[in-house]
Amino acid sequence: MALRYLSNVATLALDADHCSGCGICAEVCPHGVLTVSSRKAAIVDRDACMECGACAKNCATGALTVQAGVGCAAAVLTGMLRGTEPTCDCSTGPGC
């Protein structure tokens, strides 16, 4: 089971029409957020996404996008490291 940060806030997006099915995204994702089946990637666990950006940076076709290092997941991690409450600068959602 992957770590959970905040539900329904990850910026990860997939344009399946642009996916070549190479599978690199699933290989580089540290939390198993993506899988490849029938030559297409799919997001299987968006809430486990920590928005590191590895998938998008390694996607040759640009089918994946994520705002790496920003958003609520980054705020949670920064808060954990600093010993403070997360500050993600959003106006809605749990923990914001």
PDB file of N, CA and C in Angstrom:
ATOM      1  N   MET A   1       0.844  -1.188   0.000  1.00  0.00           N
ATOM      2  CA  MET A   1       0.000   0.000   0.000  1.00  0.00           C
ATOM      3  C   MET A   1       0.883   1.243   0.000  1.00  0.00           C
ATOM      4  N   ALA A   2       0.611   2.143  -0.893  1.00  0.00           N
ATOM      5  CA  ALA A   2       1.380   3.382  -1.010  1.00  0.00           C
ATOM      6  C   ALA A   2       0.908   4.390   0.021  1.00  0.00           C
ATOM      7  N   LEU A   3       1.772   5.339   0.303  1.00  0.00           N
ATOM      8  CA  LEU A   3       1.414   6.422   1.208  1.00  0.00           C
ATOM      9  C   LEU A   3       0.287   7.255   0.634  1.00  0.00           C
ATOM     10  N   ARG A   4      -0.525   7.808   1.474  1.00  0.00           N
ATOM     11  CA  ARG A   4      -1.596   8.715   1.050  1.00  0.00           C
ATOM     12  C   ARG A   4      -1.259  10.099   1.578  1.00  0.00           C
ATOM     13  N   TYR A   5      -1.491  11.089   0.768  1.00  0.00           N
ATOM     14  CA  TYR A   5      -1.248  12.459   1.179  1.00  0.00           C
ATOM     15  C   TYR A   5      -2.606  13.106   1.418  1.00  0.00           C
ATOM     16  N   LEU A   6      -3.137  13.767   0.450  1.00  0.00           N
ATOM     17  CA  LEU A   6      -4.467  14.359   0.530  1.00  0.00           C
ATOM     18  C   LEU A   6      -5.286  13.811  -0.628  1.00  0.00           C
ATOM     19  N   SER A   7      -6.538  13.511  -0.389  1.00  0.00           N
ATOM     20  CA  SER A   7      -7.380  12.921  -1.430  1.00  0.00           C
ATOM     21  C   SER A   7      -7.814  13.943  -2.471  1.00  0.00           C
ATOM     22  N   ASN A   8      -7.825  13.516  -3.716  1.00  0.00           N
ATOM     23  CA  ASN A   8      -8.375  14.282  -4.838  1.00  0.00           C
ATOM     24  C   ASN A   8      -7.727  15.642  -5.065  1.00  0.00           C
ATOM     25  N   VAL A   9      -6.420  15.761  -4.851  1.00  0.00           N
ATOM     26  CA  VAL A   9      -5.751  17.041  -5.083  1.00  0.00           C
ATOM     27  C   VAL A   9      -4.542  16.951  -6.016  1.00  0.00           C
ATOM     28  N   ALA A  10      -4.098  15.744  -6.352  1.00  0.00           N
ATOM     29  CA  ALA A  10      -2.910  15.606  -7.203  1.00  0.00           C
ATOM     30  C   ALA A  10      -3.150  16.236  -8.572  1.00  0.00           C
ATOM     31  N   THR A  11      -2.115  16.879  -9.085  1.00  0.00           N
ATOM     32  CA  THR A  11      -2.215  17.565 -10.377  1.00  0.00           C
ATOM     33  C   THR A  11      -1.930  16.639 -11.557  1.00  0.00           C
ATOM     34  N   LEU A  12      -1.682  15.382 -11.304  1.00  0.00           N
ATOM     35  CA  LEU A  12      -1.363  14.406 -12.350  1.00  0.00           C
ATOM     36  C   LEU A  12      -2.515  14.272 -13.344  1.00  0.00           C
ATOM     37  N   ALA A  13      -2.170  14.347 -14.628  1.00  0.00           N
ATOM     38  CA  ALA A  13      -3.174  14.166 -15.685  1.00  0.00           C
ATOM     39  C   ALA A  13      -2.567  13.326 -16.813  1.00  0.00           C
ATOM     40  N   LEU A  14      -3.395  12.520 -17.433  1.00  0.00           N
ATOM     41  CA  LEU A  14      -2.977  11.652 -18.523  1.00  0.00           C
ATOM     42  C   LEU A  14      -3.855  11.883 -19.739  1.00  0.00           C
ATOM     43  N   ASP A  15      -3.224  12.109 -20.888  1.00  0.00           N
ATOM     44  CA  ASP A  15      -3.934  12.188 -22.166  1.00  0.00           C
ATOM     45  C   ASP A  15      -3.662  10.872 -22.888  1.00  0.00           C
ATOM     46  N   ALA A  16      -4.548   9.905 -22.710  1.00  0.00           N
ATOM     47  CA  ALA A  16      -4.355   8.555 -23.248  1.00  0.00           C
ATOM     48  C   ALA A  16      -4.200   8.550 -24.767  1.00  0.00           C
ATOM     49  N   ASP A  17      -4.773   9.532 -25.457  1.00  0.00           N
ATOM     50  CA  ASP A  17      -4.650   9.593 -26.917  1.00  0.00           C
ATOM     51  C   ASP A  17      -3.198   9.802 -27.354  1.00  0.00           C
ATOM     52  N   HIS A  18      -2.387  10.433 -26.496  1.00  0.00           N
ATOM     53  CA  HIS A  18      -0.986  10.683 -26.827  1.00  0.00           C
ATOM     54  C   HIS A  18      -0.047   9.600 -26.293  1.00  0.00           C
ATOM     55  N   CYS A  19      -0.558   8.674 -25.523  1.00  0.00           N
ATOM     56  CA  CYS A  19       0.258   7.625 -24.911  1.00  0.00           C
ATOM     57  C   CYS A  19       0.690   6.595 -25.952  1.00  0.00           C
ATOM     58  N   SER A  20       1.996   6.276 -25.973  1.00  0.00           N
ATOM     59  CA  SER A  20       2.521   5.267 -26.900  1.00  0.00           C
ATOM     60  C   SER A  20       2.573   3.879 -26.265  1.00  0.00           C
ATOM     61  N   GLY A  21       2.338   3.811 -24.951  1.00  0.00           N
ATOM     62  CA  GLY A  21       2.361   2.521 -24.264  1.00  0.00           C
ATOM     63  C   GLY A  21       3.747   1.997 -23.968  1.00  0.00           C
ATOM     64  N   CYS A  22       4.748   2.853 -23.950  1.00  0.00           N
ATOM     65  CA  CYS A  22       6.125   2.405 -23.740  1.00  0.00           C
ATOM     66  C   CYS A  22       6.368   1.849 -22.330  1.00  0.00           C
ATOM     67  N   GLY A  23       5.615   2.322 -21.347  1.00  0.00           N
ATOM     68  CA  GLY A  23       5.719   1.806 -19.992  1.00  0.00           C
ATOM     69  C   GLY A  23       6.744   2.474 -19.099  1.00  0.00           C
ATOM     70  N   ILE A  24       7.478   3.436 -19.610  1.00  0.00           N
ATOM     71  CA  ILE A  24       8.495   4.098 -18.799  1.00  0.00           C
ATOM     72  C   ILE A  24       7.867   4.797 -17.594  1.00  0.00           C
ATOM     73  N   CYS A  25       6.703   5.383 -17.771  1.00  0.00           N
ATOM     74  CA  CYS A  25       6.044   6.083 -16.666  1.00  0.00           C
ATOM     75  C   CYS A  25       5.802   5.158 -15.475  1.00  0.00           C
ATOM     76  N   ALA A  26       5.341   3.956 -15.754  1.00  0.00           N
ATOM     77  CA  ALA A  26       5.081   2.989 -14.689  1.00  0.00           C
ATOM     78  C   ALA A  26       6.382   2.535 -14.032  1.00  0.00           C
ATOM     79  N   GLU A  27       7.447   2.447 -14.807  1.00  0.00           N
ATOM     80  CA  GLU A  27       8.745   2.039 -14.268  1.00  0.00           C
ATOM     81  C   GLU A  27       9.337   3.083 -13.332  1.00  0.00           C
ATOM     82  N   VAL A  28       9.194   4.367 -13.666  1.00  0.00           N
ATOM     83  CA  VAL A  28       9.843   5.413 -12.869  1.00  0.00           C
ATOM     84  C   VAL A  28       8.984   5.920 -11.716  1.00  0.00           C
ATOM     85  N   CYS A  29       7.715   5.595 -11.693  1.00  0.00           N
ATOM     86  CA  CYS A  29       6.839   6.077 -10.614  1.00  0.00           C
ATOM     87  C   CYS A  29       7.183   5.361  -9.311  1.00  0.00           C
ATOM     88  N   PRO A  30       7.573   6.107  -8.270  1.00  0.00           N
ATOM     89  CA  PRO A  30       7.972   5.465  -7.019  1.00  0.00           C
ATOM     90  C   PRO A  30       6.814   4.888  -6.210  1.00  0.00           C
ATOM     91  N   HIS A  31       5.582   5.239  -6.547  1.00  0.00           N
ATOM     92  CA  HIS A  31       4.442   4.780  -5.754  1.00  0.00           C
ATOM     93  C   HIS A  31       3.430   3.938  -6.523  1.00  0.00           C
ATOM     94  N   GLY A  32       3.764   3.500  -7.714  1.00  0.00           N
ATOM     95  CA  GLY A  32       2.869   2.621  -8.462  1.00  0.00           C
ATOM     96  C   GLY A  32       1.552   3.270  -8.857  1.00  0.00           C
ATOM     97  N   VAL A  33       1.601   4.551  -9.157  1.00  0.00           N
ATOM     98  CA  VAL A  33       0.404   5.300  -9.522  1.00  0.00           C
ATOM     99  C   VAL A  33      -0.090   4.918 -10.914  1.00  0.00           C
ATOM    100  N   LEU A  34       0.823   4.488 -11.772  1.00  0.00           N
ATOM    101  CA  LEU A  34       0.500   4.197 -13.172  1.00  0.00           C
ATOM    102  C   LEU A  34       0.720   2.726 -13.505  1.00  0.00           C
ATOM    103  N   THR A  35      -0.035   2.265 -14.471  1.00  0.00           N
ATOM    104  CA  THR A  35       0.139   0.919 -15.016  1.00  0.00           C
ATOM    105  C   THR A  35      -0.040   1.014 -16.526  1.00  0.00           C
ATOM    106  N   VAL A  36       0.449   0.016 -17.240  1.00  0.00           N
ATOM    107  CA  VAL A  36       0.285  -0.015 -18.692  1.00  0.00           C
ATOM    108  C   VAL A  36      -0.381  -1.331 -19.061  1.00  0.00           C
ATOM    109  N   SER A  37      -1.457  -1.212 -19.811  1.00  0.00           N
ATOM    110  CA  SER A  37      -2.195  -2.381 -20.256  1.00  0.00           C
ATOM    111  C   SER A  37      -2.695  -2.117 -21.670  1.00  0.00           C
ATOM    112  N   SER A  38      -2.603  -3.100 -22.527  1.00  0.00           N
ATOM    113  CA  SER A  38      -3.040  -2.967 -23.921  1.00  0.00           C
ATOM    114  C   SER A  38      -2.411  -1.755 -24.600  1.00  0.00           C
ATOM    115  N   ARG A  39      -1.115  -1.553 -24.329  1.00  0.00           N
ATOM    116  CA  ARG A  39      -0.324  -0.468 -24.940  1.00  0.00           C
ATOM    117  C   ARG A  39      -0.826   0.932 -24.608  1.00  0.00           C
ATOM    118  N   LYS A  40      -1.448   1.096 -23.443  1.00  0.00           N
ATOM    119  CA  LYS A  40      -1.875   2.414 -22.973  1.00  0.00           C
ATOM    120  C   LYS A  40      -1.638   2.509 -21.472  1.00  0.00           C
ATOM    121  N   ALA A  41      -1.153   3.657 -21.022  1.00  0.00           N
ATOM    122  CA  ALA A  41      -0.980   3.910 -19.596  1.00  0.00           C
ATOM    123  C   ALA A  41      -2.335   4.243 -18.983  1.00  0.00           C
ATOM    124  N   ALA A  42      -2.435   3.996 -17.696  1.00  0.00           N
ATOM    125  CA  ALA A  42      -3.640   4.342 -16.948  1.00  0.00           C
ATOM    126  C   ALA A  42      -3.223   4.744 -15.536  1.00  0.00           C
ATOM    127  N   ILE A  43      -3.938   5.702 -14.988  1.00  0.00           N
ATOM    128  CA  ILE A  43      -3.716   6.103 -13.602  1.00  0.00           C
ATOM    129  C   ILE A  43      -4.552   5.177 -12.736  1.00  0.00           C
ATOM    130  N   VAL A  44      -3.889   4.419 -11.868  1.00  0.00           N
ATOM    131  CA  VAL A  44      -4.614   3.448 -11.043  1.00  0.00           C
ATOM    132  C   VAL A  44      -4.764   3.905  -9.593  1.00  0.00           C
ATOM    133  N   ASP A  45      -3.946   4.879  -9.169  1.00  0.00           N
ATOM    134  CA  ASP A  45      -4.003   5.318  -7.776  1.00  0.00           C
ATOM    135  C   ASP A  45      -3.546   6.774  -7.661  1.00  0.00           C
ATOM    136  N   ARG A  46      -4.360   7.685  -8.168  1.00  0.00           N
ATOM    137  CA  ARG A  46      -4.001   9.115  -8.202  1.00  0.00           C
ATOM    138  C   ARG A  46      -3.660   9.659  -6.811  1.00  0.00           C
ATOM    139  N   ASP A  47      -4.352   9.202  -5.780  1.00  0.00           N
ATOM    140  CA  ASP A  47      -4.108   9.726  -4.436  1.00  0.00           C
ATOM    141  C   ASP A  47      -2.748   9.325  -3.874  1.00  0.00           C
ATOM    142  N   ALA A  48      -2.074   8.363  -4.495  1.00  0.00           N
ATOM    143  CA  ALA A  48      -0.733   7.980  -4.064  1.00  0.00           C
ATOM    144  C   ALA A  48       0.341   8.833  -4.746  1.00  0.00           C
ATOM    145  N   CYS A  49      -0.062   9.680  -5.687  1.00  0.00           N
ATOM    146  CA  CYS A  49       0.884  10.523  -6.418  1.00  0.00           C
ATOM    147  C   CYS A  49       1.476  11.572  -5.478  1.00  0.00           C
ATOM    148  N   MET A  50       2.802  11.638  -5.449  1.00  0.00           N
ATOM    149  CA  MET A  50       3.471  12.644  -4.625  1.00  0.00           C
ATOM    150  C   MET A  50       3.964  13.819  -5.470  1.00  0.00           C
ATOM    151  N   GLU A  51       3.537  13.864  -6.714  1.00  0.00           N
ATOM    152  CA  GLU A  51       3.841  14.948  -7.647  1.00  0.00           C
ATOM    153  C   GLU A  51       5.337  15.182  -7.818  1.00  0.00           C
ATOM    154  N   CYS A  52       6.099  14.086  -7.894  1.00  0.00           N
ATOM    155  CA  CYS A  52       7.549  14.216  -8.085  1.00  0.00           C
ATOM    156  C   CYS A  52       7.906  14.611  -9.511  1.00  0.00           C
ATOM    157  N   GLY A  53       7.040  14.277 -10.477  1.00  0.00           N
ATOM    158  CA  GLY A  53       7.251  14.651 -11.866  1.00  0.00           C
ATOM    159  C   GLY A  53       8.049  13.655 -12.687  1.00  0.00           C
ATOM    160  N   ALA A  54       8.466  12.534 -12.091  1.00  0.00           N
ATOM    161  CA  ALA A  54       9.271  11.558 -12.832  1.00  0.00           C
ATOM    162  C   ALA A  54       8.545  11.024 -14.057  1.00  0.00           C
ATOM    163  N   CYS A  55       7.262  10.760 -13.930  1.00  0.00           N
ATOM    164  CA  CYS A  55       6.504  10.211 -15.067  1.00  0.00           C
ATOM    165  C   CYS A  55       6.458  11.198 -16.222  1.00  0.00           C
ATOM    166  N   ALA A  56       6.117  12.426 -15.937  1.00  0.00           N
ATOM    167  CA  ALA A  56       5.991  13.439 -16.986  1.00  0.00           C
ATOM    168  C   ALA A  56       7.340  13.756 -17.634  1.00  0.00           C
ATOM    169  N   LYS A  57       8.391  13.816 -16.823  1.00  0.00           N
ATOM    170  CA  LYS A  57       9.719  14.120 -17.363  1.00  0.00           C
ATOM    171  C   LYS A  57      10.226  13.021 -18.280  1.00  0.00           C
ATOM    172  N   ASN A  58       9.771  11.800 -18.063  1.00  0.00           N
ATOM    173  CA  ASN A  58      10.221  10.666 -18.865  1.00  0.00           C
ATOM    174  C   ASN A  58       9.262  10.276 -19.972  1.00  0.00           C
ATOM    175  N   CYS A  59       8.163  10.993 -20.120  1.00  0.00           N
ATOM    176  CA  CYS A  59       7.176  10.679 -21.152  1.00  0.00           C
ATOM    177  C   CYS A  59       7.560  11.381 -22.458  1.00  0.00           C
ATOM    178  N   ALA A  60       8.015  10.593 -23.420  1.00  0.00           N
ATOM    179  CA  ALA A  60       8.485  11.146 -24.689  1.00  0.00           C
ATOM    180  C   ALA A  60       7.371  11.769 -25.520  1.00  0.00           C
ATOM    181  N   THR A  61       6.124  11.349 -25.296  1.00  0.00           N
ATOM    182  CA  THR A  61       5.017  11.858 -26.104  1.00  0.00           C
ATOM    183  C   THR A  61       4.246  12.985 -25.431  1.00  0.00           C
ATOM    184  N   GLY A  62       4.591  13.307 -24.192  1.00  0.00           N
ATOM    185  CA  GLY A  62       3.892  14.376 -23.480  1.00  0.00           C
ATOM    186  C   GLY A  62       2.493  13.998 -23.030  1.00  0.00           C
ATOM    187  N   ALA A  63       2.236  12.718 -22.893  1.00  0.00           N
ATOM    188  CA  ALA A  63       0.902  12.268 -22.495  1.00  0.00           C
ATOM    189  C   ALA A  63       0.607  12.515 -21.017  1.00  0.00           C
ATOM    190  N   LEU A  64       1.654  12.681 -20.216  1.00  0.00           N
ATOM    191  CA  LEU A  64       1.483  12.914 -18.782  1.00  0.00           C
ATOM    192  C   LEU A  64       1.907  14.318 -18.407  1.00  0.00           C
ATOM    193  N   THR A  65       1.133  14.925 -17.539  1.00  0.00           N
ATOM    194  CA  THR A  65       1.501  16.223 -16.991  1.00  0.00           C
ATOM    195  C   THR A  65       1.291  16.191 -15.483  1.00  0.00           C
ATOM    196  N   VAL A  66       2.120  16.911 -14.776  1.00  0.00           N
ATOM    197  CA  VAL A  66       1.995  17.056 -13.326  1.00  0.00           C
ATOM    198  C   VAL A  66       2.781  18.298 -12.929  1.00  0.00           C
ATOM    199  N   GLN A  67       2.267  19.034 -11.989  1.00  0.00           N
ATOM    200  CA  GLN A  67       2.973  20.215 -11.500  1.00  0.00           C
ATOM    201  C   GLN A  67       3.923  19.752 -10.402  1.00  0.00           C
ATOM    202  N   ALA A  68       5.101  19.300 -10.815  1.00  0.00           N
ATOM    203  CA  ALA A  68       6.075  18.742  -9.888  1.00  0.00           C
ATOM    204  C   ALA A  68       6.557  19.786  -8.885  1.00  0.00           C
ATOM    205  N   GLY A  69       6.603  19.372  -7.635  1.00  0.00           N
ATOM    206  CA  GLY A  69       7.133  20.231  -6.588  1.00  0.00           C
ATOM    207  C   GLY A  69       6.178  21.308  -6.111  1.00  0.00           C
ATOM    208  N   VAL A  70       4.959  21.306  -6.600  1.00  0.00           N
ATOM    209  CA  VAL A  70       3.957  22.260  -6.142  1.00  0.00           C
ATOM    210  C   VAL A  70       2.725  21.487  -5.735  1.00  0.00           C
ATOM    211  N   GLY A  71       1.764  22.161  -5.212  1.00  0.00           N
ATOM    212  CA  GLY A  71       0.528  21.488  -4.853  1.00  0.00           C
ATOM    213  C   GLY A  71       0.543  20.966  -3.434  1.00  0.00           C
ATOM    214  N   CYS A  72      -0.530  20.315  -3.079  1.00  0.00           N
ATOM    215  CA  CYS A  72      -0.737  19.878  -1.709  1.00  0.00           C
ATOM    216  C   CYS A  72       0.227  18.782  -1.274  1.00  0.00           C
ATOM    217  N   ALA A  73       0.565  17.855  -2.160  1.00  0.00           N
ATOM    218  CA  ALA A  73       1.468  16.775  -1.770  1.00  0.00           C
ATOM    219  C   ALA A  73       2.831  17.328  -1.374  1.00  0.00           C
ATOM    220  N   ALA A  74       3.332  18.281  -2.149  1.00  0.00           N
ATOM    221  CA  ALA A  74       4.607  18.902  -1.802  1.00  0.00           C
ATOM    222  C   ALA A  74       4.490  19.644  -0.477  1.00  0.00           C
ATOM    223  N   ALA A  75       3.360  20.274  -0.225  1.00  0.00           N
ATOM    224  CA  ALA A  75       3.161  20.990   1.034  1.00  0.00           C
ATOM    225  C   ALA A  75       3.159  20.035   2.222  1.00  0.00           C
ATOM    226  N   VAL A  76       2.542  18.883   2.060  1.00  0.00           N
ATOM    227  CA  VAL A  76       2.519  17.893   3.131  1.00  0.00           C
ATOM    228  C   VAL A  76       3.937  17.416   3.438  1.00  0.00           C
ATOM    229  N   LEU A  77       4.704  17.108   2.400  1.00  0.00           N
ATOM    230  CA  LEU A  77       6.074  16.643   2.605  1.00  0.00           C
ATOM    231  C   LEU A  77       6.939  17.718   3.248  1.00  0.00           C
ATOM    232  N   THR A  78       6.811  18.946   2.785  1.00  0.00           N
ATOM    233  CA  THR A  78       7.580  20.039   3.360  1.00  0.00           C
ATOM    234  C   THR A  78       7.200  20.240   4.822  1.00  0.00           C
ATOM    235  N   GLY A  79       5.918  20.182   5.128  1.00  0.00           N
ATOM    236  CA  GLY A  79       5.455  20.302   6.509  1.00  0.00           C
ATOM    237  C   GLY A  79       6.016  19.202   7.385  1.00  0.00           C
ATOM    238  N   MET A  80       6.059  17.988   6.863  1.00  0.00           N
ATOM    239  CA  MET A  80       6.619  16.868   7.626  1.00  0.00           C
ATOM    240  C   MET A  80       8.095  17.097   7.919  1.00  0.00           C
ATOM    241  N   LEU A  81       8.839  17.562   6.929  1.00  0.00           N
ATOM    242  CA  LEU A  81      10.272  17.796   7.099  1.00  0.00           C
ATOM    243  C   LEU A  81      10.562  18.941   8.066  1.00  0.00           C
ATOM    244  N   ARG A  82       9.729  19.968   8.023  1.00  0.00           N
ATOM    245  CA  ARG A  82       9.926  21.137   8.885  1.00  0.00           C
ATOM    246  C   ARG A  82       9.236  21.014  10.234  1.00  0.00           C
ATOM    247  N   GLY A  83       8.368  20.011  10.367  1.00  0.00           N
ATOM    248  CA  GLY A  83       7.620  19.857  11.611  1.00  0.00           C
ATOM    249  C   GLY A  83       6.505  20.875  11.749  1.00  0.00           C
ATOM    250  N   THR A  84       5.955  21.314  10.617  1.00  0.00           N
ATOM    251  CA  THR A  84       4.882  22.307  10.624  1.00  0.00           C
ATOM    252  C   THR A  84       3.660  21.743   9.918  1.00  0.00           C
ATOM    253  N   GLU A  85       2.559  22.446  10.002  1.00  0.00           N
ATOM    254  CA  GLU A  85       1.349  22.061   9.275  1.00  0.00           C
ATOM    255  C   GLU A  85       1.552  22.343   7.784  1.00  0.00           C
ATOM    256  N   PRO A  86       0.927  21.549   6.917  1.00  0.00           N
ATOM    257  CA  PRO A  86       1.046  21.805   5.465  1.00  0.00           C
ATOM    258  C   PRO A  86       0.430  23.154   5.090  1.00  0.00           C
ATOM    259  N   THR A  87       1.088  23.843   4.198  1.00  0.00           N
ATOM    260  CA  THR A  87       0.572  25.086   3.647  1.00  0.00           C
ATOM    261  C   THR A  87       0.662  24.984   2.143  1.00  0.00           C
ATOM    262  N   CYS A  88      -0.476  24.691   1.512  1.00  0.00           N
ATOM    263  CA  CYS A  88      -0.449  24.487   0.069  1.00  0.00           C
ATOM    264  C   CYS A  88      -1.045  25.665  -0.699  1.00  0.00           C
ATOM    265  N   ASP A  89      -1.467  26.688   0.005  1.00  0.00           N
ATOM    266  CA  ASP A  89      -1.988  27.898  -0.626  1.00  0.00           C
ATOM    267  C   ASP A  89      -3.237  27.656  -1.475  1.00  0.00           C
ATOM    268  N   CYS A  90      -3.962  26.594  -1.192  1.00  0.00           N
ATOM    269  CA  CYS A  90      -5.223  26.382  -1.891  1.00  0.00           C
ATOM    270  C   CYS A  90      -6.357  26.803  -0.969  1.00  0.00           C
ATOM    271  N   SER A  91      -7.509  27.007  -1.525  1.00  0.00           N
ATOM    272  CA  SER A  91      -8.605  27.520  -0.713  1.00  0.00           C
ATOM    273  C   SER A  91      -9.624  26.458  -0.339  1.00  0.00           C
ATOM    274  N   THR A  92      -9.531  25.275  -0.944  1.00  0.00           N
ATOM    275  CA  THR A  92     -10.482  24.215  -0.633  1.00  0.00           C
ATOM    276  C   THR A  92      -9.773  22.901  -0.467  1.00  0.00           C
ATOM    277  N   GLY A  93     -10.459  21.957   0.075  1.00  0.00           N
ATOM    278  CA  GLY A  93      -9.923  20.611   0.198  1.00  0.00           C
ATOM    279  C   GLY A  93      -9.467  20.319   1.609  1.00  0.00           C
ATOM    280  N   PRO A  94      -9.394  19.046   1.951  1.00  0.00           N
ATOM    281  CA  PRO A  94      -9.001  18.669   3.300  1.00  0.00           C
ATOM    282  C   PRO A  94      -7.548  19.037   3.571  1.00  0.00           C
ATOM    283  N   GLY A  95      -7.283  19.532   4.750  1.00  0.00           N
ATOM    284  CA  GLY A  95      -5.934  19.870   5.155  1.00  0.00           C
ATOM    285  C   GLY A  95      -5.442  21.201   4.640  1.00  0.00           C
ATOM    286  N   CYS A  96      -6.281  21.930   3.908  1.00  0.00           N
ATOM    287  CA  CYS A  96      -5.846  23.207   3.333  1.00  0.00           C
ATOM    288  C   CYS A  96      -6.374  24.366   4.148  1.00  0.00           C
TER     289      CYS A  96
END
